[in-house]
Amino acid sequence: MLLIPCPHCGLREESEFTYGGPCRDLPALDGQSDAGTWSQAFHMGKNPRGPLRELWYHSSGCEAWIEVTRDTASHEIIPGGQT
């Protein structure tokens, strides 16, 4: 069982959360990015082996979205979020 540190509720089991996917670097909202750039940002996310910044929603707790860095190879949560 994966234990996820919620900043509001403390350490909680993964079953209390809903996975929100990897954090994505989106293009600037300056009107200069075309549809292809946005499509690439939304649909072609990274899938590295190792540390990955992810979003998790604490659906059975405080209902907050949190950012967690998890090693995709070992499923270890990395404290402080170093990627």
Protein backbone atom coordinates (compact mmCIF):
# COMPACT_ATOMS: atom_id res chain seq x y z
CA MET A 1 0.00 0.00 0.00
CA LEU A 2 1.30 3.40 -0.99
CA LEU A 3 1.28 5.94 1.86
CA ILE A 4 0.82 9.53 0.68
CA PRO A 5 1.70 12.50 2.90
CA CYS A 6 -1.20 14.97 2.93
CA PRO A 7 -0.09 18.38 4.23
CA HIS A 8 -3.45 18.80 5.99
CA CYS A 9 -4.25 15.27 7.26
CA GLY A 10 -0.84 13.62 7.63
CA LEU A 11 0.22 10.26 6.19
CA ARG A 12 -2.73 8.48 4.52
CA GLU A 13 -3.31 5.34 2.46
CA GLU A 14 -3.48 5.59 -1.32
CA SER A 15 -7.11 4.36 -1.26
CA GLU A 16 -8.16 7.77 0.16
CA PHE A 17 -6.84 9.54 -2.97
CA THR A 18 -7.74 9.80 -6.64
CA TYR A 19 -4.81 9.92 -9.04
CA GLY A 20 -4.76 13.14 -11.06
CA GLY A 21 -1.90 12.29 -13.41
CA PRO A 22 1.57 13.72 -13.87
CA CYS A 23 2.21 17.44 -13.48
CA ARG A 24 2.49 18.96 -16.93
CA ASP A 25 4.40 21.94 -18.22
CA LEU A 26 1.81 23.87 -20.23
CA PRO A 27 2.47 26.54 -22.86
CA ALA A 28 2.14 30.18 -21.85
CA LEU A 29 -1.31 31.76 -22.14
CA ASP A 30 -0.01 34.49 -24.43
CA GLY A 31 -1.86 33.53 -27.61
CA GLN A 32 1.37 32.50 -29.35
CA SER A 33 0.93 28.72 -28.98
CA ASP A 34 -0.88 26.80 -31.71
CA ALA A 35 -3.24 23.82 -31.33
CA GLY A 36 -0.41 21.35 -31.98
CA THR A 37 1.62 22.71 -29.08
CA TRP A 38 -1.36 22.42 -26.72
CA SER A 39 -2.18 18.93 -27.99
CA GLN A 40 1.41 17.85 -27.37
CA ALA A 41 1.31 19.28 -23.81
CA PHE A 42 -1.97 17.54 -22.91
CA HIS A 43 -1.71 14.20 -24.69
CA MET A 44 1.99 13.38 -24.91
CA GLY A 45 3.09 13.50 -21.28
CA LYS A 46 6.34 12.15 -19.96
CA ASN A 47 6.50 8.61 -18.63
CA PRO A 48 9.98 8.37 -17.09
CA ARG A 49 11.42 5.59 -15.00
CA GLY A 50 12.33 7.36 -11.77
CA PRO A 51 11.07 10.51 -10.03
CA LEU A 52 7.85 12.00 -11.41
CA ARG A 53 5.80 14.94 -10.08
CA GLU A 54 2.16 13.88 -9.77
CA LEU A 55 -1.16 15.34 -8.71
CA TRP A 56 -3.36 13.50 -6.21
CA TYR A 57 -6.83 14.51 -4.98
CA HIS A 58 -7.61 13.64 -1.35
CA SER A 59 -11.16 12.56 -2.18
CA SER A 60 -11.82 10.71 1.11
CA GLY A 61 -10.19 13.35 3.29
CA CYS A 62 -9.71 17.10 3.14
CA GLU A 63 -10.57 17.27 -0.61
CA ALA A 64 -7.35 19.10 -1.45
CA TRP A 65 -5.24 18.62 -4.58
CA ILE A 66 -1.63 17.91 -3.61
CA GLU A 67 1.59 17.53 -5.56
CA VAL A 68 3.70 14.48 -4.75
CA THR A 69 6.99 13.28 -6.23
CA ARG A 70 6.94 9.50 -6.61
CA ASP A 71 9.62 7.19 -7.99
CA THR A 72 7.81 5.25 -10.71
CA ALA A 73 10.22 2.32 -10.43
CA SER A 74 9.97 1.75 -6.67
CA HIS A 75 6.74 3.70 -5.87
CA GLU A 76 8.66 5.48 -3.08
CA ILE A 77 7.38 8.93 -2.20
CA ILE A 78 10.30 11.37 -2.31
CA PRO A 79 10.18 13.88 0.59
CA GLY A 80 10.51 17.50 -0.46
CA GLY A 81 9.67 16.67 -4.05
CA GLN A 82 13.17 16.55 -5.59
CA THR A 83 12.96 15.45 -9.21
